[in-house]
Amino acid sequence: MNDRPNSSEAVLEELMAGNARYVDGSMQSSNPPAARDALASGQAPMAAMIRCADSRVAPEIVFDQPLGSLFVCGVAGNIPTPEIIASLEYAIAVLDTTLIVVMGHSSCGAVSAALEHRGDSNALPGGLPALVDQIIDPCTADADPSVPGVLDAAIACNARQGIGAIMEGSDLIAAAVEAGGVRIVAGVQDLASGHFHLLSDD
């Protein structure tokens, strides 16, 4: 845990290299029993992540990383809720993590629901409307579900929007980003290929 990359750029390079290993089946990471004592003594994750709660999305596997390397927060639709943002603040302020990744994925059920119910989210059960509304505005409110690729575009939009939501929701993280010590990126994992596509910072 002490040999983590020392910059956000190096961390991102390691994550993308790990994803390439995952895609081609040459994974290197393992979690042997002998590593448990070190894990029990503390953590020093190189990256913090917001992942969707979808059971098919597992950052440690997708980026070929052992336990202790990633600080992972999960919520349907990879939405930066106040609780998720507070967790990321812990990773930045206490654990000295330098990179935050907003991790979307193909065939996302939360984004699909935002497309289907963009005009009537209250038709969804329980607390889902409050969650899905955060995707509808601004990613699906004016979308046309009949247009080819609209779901993929909405998934990418939702991941990108996560960056702004984190910055707006946390003065602590915003200050760290503006000072150059922390970087936030967004991307989408294709479930079929395993490939994680890094979206532009625009």
C-alpha atoms as a PDB file:
ATOM      1  CA  MET A   1       0.000   0.000   0.000  1.00  0.00           C
ATOM      2  CA  ASN A   2       3.009   2.284   0.334  1.00  0.00           C
ATOM      3  CA  ASP A   3       4.109   2.112  -3.312  1.00  0.00           C
ATOM      4  CA  ARG A   4       1.086   3.837  -4.837  1.00  0.00           C
ATOM      5  CA  PRO A   5       1.695   6.293  -7.714  1.00  0.00           C
ATOM      6  CA  ASN A   6       2.473   9.783  -6.454  1.00  0.00           C
ATOM      7  CA  SER A   7       0.412  11.870  -8.893  1.00  0.00           C
ATOM      8  CA  SER A   8      -3.097  11.791 -10.313  1.00  0.00           C
ATOM      9  CA  GLU A   9      -1.670  11.344 -13.818  1.00  0.00           C
ATOM     10  CA  ALA A  10       0.353   8.308 -12.744  1.00  0.00           C
ATOM     11  CA  VAL A  11      -2.657   6.867 -10.929  1.00  0.00           C
ATOM     12  CA  LEU A  12      -4.824   7.241 -14.028  1.00  0.00           C
ATOM     13  CA  GLU A  13      -2.142   5.584 -16.153  1.00  0.00           C
ATOM     14  CA  GLU A  14      -2.049   2.638 -13.750  1.00  0.00           C
ATOM     15  CA  LEU A  15      -5.829   2.304 -13.808  1.00  0.00           C
ATOM     16  CA  MET A  16      -5.959   2.329 -17.598  1.00  0.00           C
ATOM     17  CA  ALA A  17      -3.107  -0.192 -17.790  1.00  0.00           C
ATOM     18  CA  GLY A  18      -4.993  -2.390 -15.351  1.00  0.00           C
ATOM     19  CA  ASN A  19      -8.129  -2.118 -17.449  1.00  0.00           C
ATOM     20  CA  ALA A  20      -6.154  -3.174 -20.521  1.00  0.00           C
ATOM     21  CA  ARG A  21      -4.998  -6.248 -18.607  1.00  0.00           C
ATOM     22  CA  TYR A  22      -8.586  -7.006 -17.627  1.00  0.00           C
ATOM     23  CA  VAL A  23      -9.790  -6.662 -21.216  1.00  0.00           C
ATOM     24  CA  ASP A  24      -7.167  -9.042 -22.627  1.00  0.00           C
ATOM     25  CA  GLY A  25      -7.308 -11.484 -19.712  1.00  0.00           C
ATOM     26  CA  SER A  26      -3.798 -10.916 -18.344  1.00  0.00           C
ATOM     27  CA  MET A  27      -4.776  -9.767 -14.839  1.00  0.00           C
ATOM     28  CA  GLN A  28      -2.013  -9.639 -12.237  1.00  0.00           C
ATOM     29  CA  SER A  29      -3.708  -8.672  -8.977  1.00  0.00           C
ATOM     30  CA  SER A  30      -4.442 -11.118  -6.199  1.00  0.00           C
ATOM     31  CA  ASN A  31      -5.462 -10.954  -2.568  1.00  0.00           C
ATOM     32  CA  PRO A  32      -3.466 -13.628  -0.730  1.00  0.00           C
ATOM     33  CA  PRO A  33      -4.027 -14.332   2.960  1.00  0.00           C
ATOM     34  CA  ALA A  34      -0.562 -12.945   3.715  1.00  0.00           C
ATOM     35  CA  ALA A  35      -1.711  -9.478   2.623  1.00  0.00           C
ATOM     36  CA  ARG A  36      -4.432  -9.247   5.263  1.00  0.00           C
ATOM     37  CA  ASP A  37      -2.210  -8.035   8.117  1.00  0.00           C
ATOM     38  CA  ALA A  38      -1.098  -5.033   6.073  1.00  0.00           C
ATOM     39  CA  LEU A  39      -4.683  -4.300   5.035  1.00  0.00           C
ATOM     40  CA  ALA A  40      -5.850  -4.473   8.643  1.00  0.00           C
ATOM     41  CA  SER A  41      -3.239  -1.921   9.712  1.00  0.00           C
ATOM     42  CA  GLY A  42      -4.510   0.874   7.463  1.00  0.00           C
ATOM     43  CA  GLN A  43      -5.334   2.004   3.946  1.00  0.00           C
ATOM     44  CA  ALA A  44      -3.757   4.245   1.345  1.00  0.00           C
ATOM     45  CA  PRO A  45      -5.930   3.960  -1.779  1.00  0.00           C
ATOM     46  CA  MET A  46      -4.527   5.545  -4.917  1.00  0.00           C
ATOM     47  CA  ALA A  47      -7.944   6.460  -6.353  1.00  0.00           C
ATOM     48  CA  ALA A  48     -11.473   7.142  -5.142  1.00  0.00           C
ATOM     49  CA  MET A  49     -14.394   6.043  -7.293  1.00  0.00           C
ATOM     50  CA  ILE A  50     -18.108   6.491  -7.656  1.00  0.00           C
ATOM     51  CA  ARG A  51     -19.467   3.353  -9.258  1.00  0.00           C
ATOM     52  CA  CYS A  52     -22.999   2.327 -10.074  1.00  0.00           C
ATOM     53  CA  ALA A  53     -24.531  -0.175  -7.662  1.00  0.00           C
ATOM     54  CA  ASP A  54     -25.048  -2.523 -10.635  1.00  0.00           C
ATOM     55  CA  SER A  55     -23.820  -6.023  -9.752  1.00  0.00           C
ATOM     56  CA  ARG A  56     -21.852  -6.231 -13.009  1.00  0.00           C
ATOM     57  CA  VAL A  57     -19.566  -3.325 -12.123  1.00  0.00           C
ATOM     58  CA  ALA A  58     -16.564  -4.069  -9.889  1.00  0.00           C
ATOM     59  CA  PRO A  59     -13.710  -1.517 -10.080  1.00  0.00           C
ATOM     60  CA  GLU A  60     -11.102  -3.725  -8.380  1.00  0.00           C
ATOM     61  CA  ILE A  61     -11.649  -6.319 -11.095  1.00  0.00           C
ATOM     62  CA  VAL A  62     -12.156  -3.944 -14.019  1.00  0.00           C
ATOM     63  CA  PHE A  63      -8.937  -2.052 -13.200  1.00  0.00           C
ATOM     64  CA  ASP A  64      -7.037  -5.151 -12.005  1.00  0.00           C
ATOM     65  CA  GLN A  65      -6.262  -3.783  -8.557  1.00  0.00           C
ATOM     66  CA  PRO A  66      -5.871  -5.545  -5.191  1.00  0.00           C
ATOM     67  CA  LEU A  67      -7.816  -4.715  -2.052  1.00  0.00           C
ATOM     68  CA  GLY A  68      -6.627  -1.460  -0.511  1.00  0.00           C
ATOM     69  CA  SER A  69      -5.908   0.278  -3.822  1.00  0.00           C
ATOM     70  CA  LEU A  70      -9.327   1.787  -4.520  1.00  0.00           C
ATOM     71  CA  PHE A  71     -11.738   3.721  -2.293  1.00  0.00           C
ATOM     72  CA  VAL A  72     -15.050   2.743  -3.861  1.00  0.00           C
ATOM     73  CA  CYS A  73     -18.437   4.398  -3.287  1.00  0.00           C
ATOM     74  CA  GLY A  74     -21.480   2.763  -4.884  1.00  0.00           C
ATOM     75  CA  VAL A  75     -24.923   4.153  -5.689  1.00  0.00           C
ATOM     76  CA  ALA A  76     -27.401   3.446  -8.476  1.00  0.00           C
ATOM     77  CA  GLY A  77     -26.603   5.637 -11.468  1.00  0.00           C
ATOM     78  CA  ASN A  78     -23.187   6.623 -10.017  1.00  0.00           C
ATOM     79  CA  ILE A  79     -24.766   9.852  -8.745  1.00  0.00           C
ATOM     80  CA  PRO A  80     -22.737  12.045  -6.339  1.00  0.00           C
ATOM     81  CA  THR A  81     -25.245  12.236  -3.490  1.00  0.00           C
ATOM     82  CA  PRO A  82     -24.277  14.282  -0.390  1.00  0.00           C
ATOM     83  CA  GLU A  83     -23.254  11.087   1.392  1.00  0.00           C
ATOM     84  CA  ILE A  84     -21.094   9.984  -1.528  1.00  0.00           C
ATOM     85  CA  ILE A  85     -19.448  13.395  -1.740  1.00  0.00           C
ATOM     86  CA  ALA A  86     -18.710  13.329   1.985  1.00  0.00           C
ATOM     87  CA  SER A  87     -17.088   9.926   1.537  1.00  0.00           C
ATOM     88  CA  LEU A  88     -14.936  11.304  -1.275  1.00  0.00           C
ATOM     89  CA  GLU A  89     -13.927  14.187   0.984  1.00  0.00           C
ATOM     90  CA  TYR A  90     -12.642  11.619   3.464  1.00  0.00           C
ATOM     91  CA  ALA A  91     -10.578   9.979   0.726  1.00  0.00           C
ATOM     92  CA  ILE A  92      -9.064  13.310  -0.269  1.00  0.00           C
ATOM     93  CA  ALA A  93      -8.606  14.983   3.124  1.00  0.00           C
ATOM     94  CA  VAL A  94      -7.680  11.989   5.274  1.00  0.00           C
ATOM     95  CA  LEU A  95      -6.317   9.342   2.911  1.00  0.00           C
ATOM     96  CA  ASP A  96      -4.496  11.755   0.558  1.00  0.00           C
ATOM     97  CA  THR A  97      -6.040  10.264  -2.546  1.00  0.00           C
ATOM     98  CA  THR A  98      -5.245  12.308  -5.659  1.00  0.00           C
ATOM     99  CA  LEU A  99      -7.724  10.997  -8.241  1.00  0.00           C
ATOM    100  CA  ILE A 100     -11.520  10.688  -8.277  1.00  0.00           C
ATOM    101  CA  VAL A 101     -13.166   8.608 -10.998  1.00  0.00           C
ATOM    102  CA  VAL A 102     -16.868   8.794 -11.860  1.00  0.00           C
ATOM    103  CA  MET A 103     -17.503   5.357 -13.355  1.00  0.00           C
ATOM    104  CA  GLY A 104     -20.521   4.921 -15.591  1.00  0.00           C
ATOM    105  CA  HIS A 105     -21.293   1.758 -17.528  1.00  0.00           C
ATOM    106  CA  SER A 106     -23.199   0.577 -20.569  1.00  0.00           C
ATOM    107  CA  SER A 107     -26.800  -0.627 -20.210  1.00  0.00           C
ATOM    108  CA  CYS A 108     -27.244   1.355 -16.999  1.00  0.00           C
ATOM    109  CA  GLY A 109     -30.685   0.684 -15.540  1.00  0.00           C
ATOM    110  CA  ALA A 110     -30.859   3.997 -13.701  1.00  0.00           C
ATOM    111  CA  VAL A 111     -30.177   5.976 -16.870  1.00  0.00           C
ATOM    112  CA  SER A 112     -32.603   3.776 -18.817  1.00  0.00           C
ATOM    113  CA  ALA A 113     -35.260   4.607 -16.223  1.00  0.00           C
ATOM    114  CA  ALA A 114     -34.439   8.298 -16.591  1.00  0.00           C
ATOM    115  CA  LEU A 115     -35.086   8.020 -20.319  1.00  0.00           C
ATOM    116  CA  GLU A 116     -38.277   6.015 -19.961  1.00  0.00           C
ATOM    117  CA  HIS A 117     -39.725   8.152 -17.163  1.00  0.00           C
ATOM    118  CA  ARG A 118     -38.344  11.568 -18.114  1.00  0.00           C
ATOM    119  CA  GLY A 119     -41.872  12.991 -17.979  1.00  0.00           C
ATOM    120  CA  ASP A 120     -43.320  10.942 -15.144  1.00  0.00           C
ATOM    121  CA  SER A 121     -40.630   9.843 -12.685  1.00  0.00           C
ATOM    122  CA  ASN A 122     -43.269   9.687  -9.928  1.00  0.00           C
ATOM    123  CA  ALA A 123     -44.524   6.507 -11.572  1.00  0.00           C
ATOM    124  CA  LEU A 124     -41.391   4.787 -10.223  1.00  0.00           C
ATOM    125  CA  PRO A 125     -41.662   3.032  -6.846  1.00  0.00           C
ATOM    126  CA  GLY A 126     -40.297   4.139  -3.473  1.00  0.00           C
ATOM    127  CA  GLY A 127     -37.507   6.664  -3.429  1.00  0.00           C
ATOM    128  CA  LEU A 128     -36.469   6.062  -7.045  1.00  0.00           C
ATOM    129  CA  PRO A 129     -37.992   9.312  -8.393  1.00  0.00           C
ATOM    130  CA  ALA A 130     -35.627  11.429  -6.276  1.00  0.00           C
ATOM    131  CA  LEU A 131     -32.660   9.435  -7.585  1.00  0.00           C
ATOM    132  CA  VAL A 132     -33.708   9.307 -11.234  1.00  0.00           C
ATOM    133  CA  ASP A 133     -34.631  12.993 -11.323  1.00  0.00           C
ATOM    134  CA  GLN A 134     -30.949  13.773 -10.834  1.00  0.00           C
ATOM    135  CA  ILE A 135     -30.278  12.065 -14.175  1.00  0.00           C
ATOM    136  CA  ILE A 136     -33.349  13.366 -16.018  1.00  0.00           C
ATOM    137  CA  ASP A 137     -32.188  16.905 -15.407  1.00  0.00           C
ATOM    138  CA  PRO A 138     -29.945  17.550 -17.295  1.00  0.00           C
ATOM    139  CA  CYS A 139     -29.269  14.354 -19.281  1.00  0.00           C
ATOM    140  CA  THR A 140     -32.598  12.974 -20.496  1.00  0.00           C
ATOM    141  CA  ALA A 141     -35.294  15.639 -20.117  1.00  0.00           C
ATOM    142  CA  ASP A 142     -35.148  16.585 -23.807  1.00  0.00           C
ATOM    143  CA  ALA A 143     -33.882  13.267 -25.155  1.00  0.00           C
ATOM    144  CA  ASP A 144     -35.693  11.293 -27.861  1.00  0.00           C
ATOM    145  CA  PRO A 145     -35.580   7.570 -26.960  1.00  0.00           C
ATOM    146  CA  SER A 146     -36.114   6.635 -30.622  1.00  0.00           C
ATOM    147  CA  VAL A 147     -32.793   8.144 -31.680  1.00  0.00           C
ATOM    148  CA  PRO A 148     -30.034   5.523 -32.079  1.00  0.00           C
ATOM    149  CA  GLY A 149     -27.366   5.798 -29.401  1.00  0.00           C
ATOM    150  CA  VAL A 150     -29.456   7.979 -27.096  1.00  0.00           C
ATOM    151  CA  LEU A 151     -28.909   5.707 -24.089  1.00  0.00           C
ATOM    152  CA  ASP A 152     -25.137   5.692 -24.564  1.00  0.00           C
ATOM    153  CA  ALA A 153     -25.150   9.485 -24.894  1.00  0.00           C
ATOM    154  CA  ALA A 154     -27.204   9.847 -21.715  1.00  0.00           C
ATOM    155  CA  ILE A 155     -24.878   7.477 -19.829  1.00  0.00           C
ATOM    156  CA  ALA A 156     -21.855   9.542 -20.884  1.00  0.00           C
ATOM    157  CA  CYS A 157     -23.673  12.767 -20.003  1.00  0.00           C
ATOM    158  CA  ASN A 158     -24.520  11.430 -16.550  1.00  0.00           C
ATOM    159  CA  ALA A 159     -20.910  10.433 -15.874  1.00  0.00           C
ATOM    160  CA  ARG A 160     -19.627  13.854 -16.984  1.00  0.00           C
ATOM    161  CA  GLN A 161     -22.249  15.624 -14.887  1.00  0.00           C
ATOM    162  CA  GLY A 162     -20.846  13.830 -11.869  1.00  0.00           C
ATOM    163  CA  ILE A 163     -17.682  15.916 -12.076  1.00  0.00           C
ATOM    164  CA  GLY A 164     -19.581  19.182 -11.800  1.00  0.00           C
ATOM    165  CA  ALA A 165     -21.808  17.835  -9.039  1.00  0.00           C
ATOM    166  CA  ILE A 166     -18.771  16.901  -6.951  1.00  0.00           C
ATOM    167  CA  MET A 167     -17.167  20.290  -7.492  1.00  0.00           C
ATOM    168  CA  GLU A 168     -20.386  22.116  -6.634  1.00  0.00           C
ATOM    169  CA  GLY A 169     -21.095  19.903  -3.639  1.00  0.00           C
ATOM    170  CA  SER A 170     -17.711  20.136  -1.948  1.00  0.00           C
ATOM    171  CA  ASP A 171     -15.638  23.240  -1.325  1.00  0.00           C
ATOM    172  CA  LEU A 172     -12.930  20.954   0.034  1.00  0.00           C
ATOM    173  CA  ILE A 173     -12.626  18.924  -3.170  1.00  0.00           C
ATOM    174  CA  ALA A 174     -13.048  21.965  -5.411  1.00  0.00           C
ATOM    175  CA  ALA A 175     -10.175  23.688  -3.639  1.00  0.00           C
ATOM    176  CA  ALA A 176      -7.977  20.613  -3.980  1.00  0.00           C
ATOM    177  CA  VAL A 177      -8.748  20.382  -7.704  1.00  0.00           C
ATOM    178  CA  GLU A 178      -8.112  24.094  -8.257  1.00  0.00           C
ATOM    179  CA  ALA A 179      -4.805  23.812  -6.386  1.00  0.00           C
ATOM    180  CA  GLY A 180      -3.739  21.001  -8.723  1.00  0.00           C
ATOM    181  CA  GLY A 181      -3.414  18.305  -6.096  1.00  0.00           C
ATOM    182  CA  VAL A 182      -6.518  16.359  -7.118  1.00  0.00           C
ATOM    183  CA  ARG A 183      -8.055  15.472 -10.462  1.00  0.00           C
ATOM    184  CA  ILE A 184     -11.590  14.273 -11.235  1.00  0.00           C
ATOM    185  CA  VAL A 185     -12.290  12.262 -14.389  1.00  0.00           C
ATOM    186  CA  ALA A 186     -15.280  10.412 -15.782  1.00  0.00           C
ATOM    187  CA  GLY A 187     -15.594   7.374 -17.982  1.00  0.00           C
ATOM    188  CA  VAL A 188     -17.875   4.565 -19.103  1.00  0.00           C
ATOM    189  CA  GLN A 189     -17.198   0.839 -18.915  1.00  0.00           C
ATOM    190  CA  ASP A 190     -18.546  -1.280 -21.759  1.00  0.00           C
ATOM    191  CA  LEU A 191     -19.900  -4.393 -20.058  1.00  0.00           C
ATOM    192  CA  ALA A 192     -19.501  -6.573 -23.148  1.00  0.00           C
ATOM    193  CA  SER A 193     -15.820  -5.846 -23.794  1.00  0.00           C
ATOM    194  CA  GLY A 194     -14.794  -4.744 -20.305  1.00  0.00           C
ATOM    195  CA  HIS A 195     -13.143  -1.665 -21.764  1.00  0.00           C
ATOM    196  CA  PHE A 196     -13.288   1.549 -19.725  1.00  0.00           C
ATOM    197  CA  HIS A 197     -13.536   4.560 -22.025  1.00  0.00           C
ATOM    198  CA  LEU A 198     -12.208   7.739 -20.485  1.00  0.00           C
ATOM    199  CA  LEU A 199     -14.370  10.729 -21.389  1.00  0.00           C
ATOM    200  CA  SER A 200     -12.865  14.097 -22.191  1.00  0.00           C
ATOM    201  CA  ASP A 201     -12.453  16.657 -19.424  1.00  0.00           C
ATOM    202  CA  ASP A 202     -14.581  19.216 -21.311  1.00  0.00           C
END
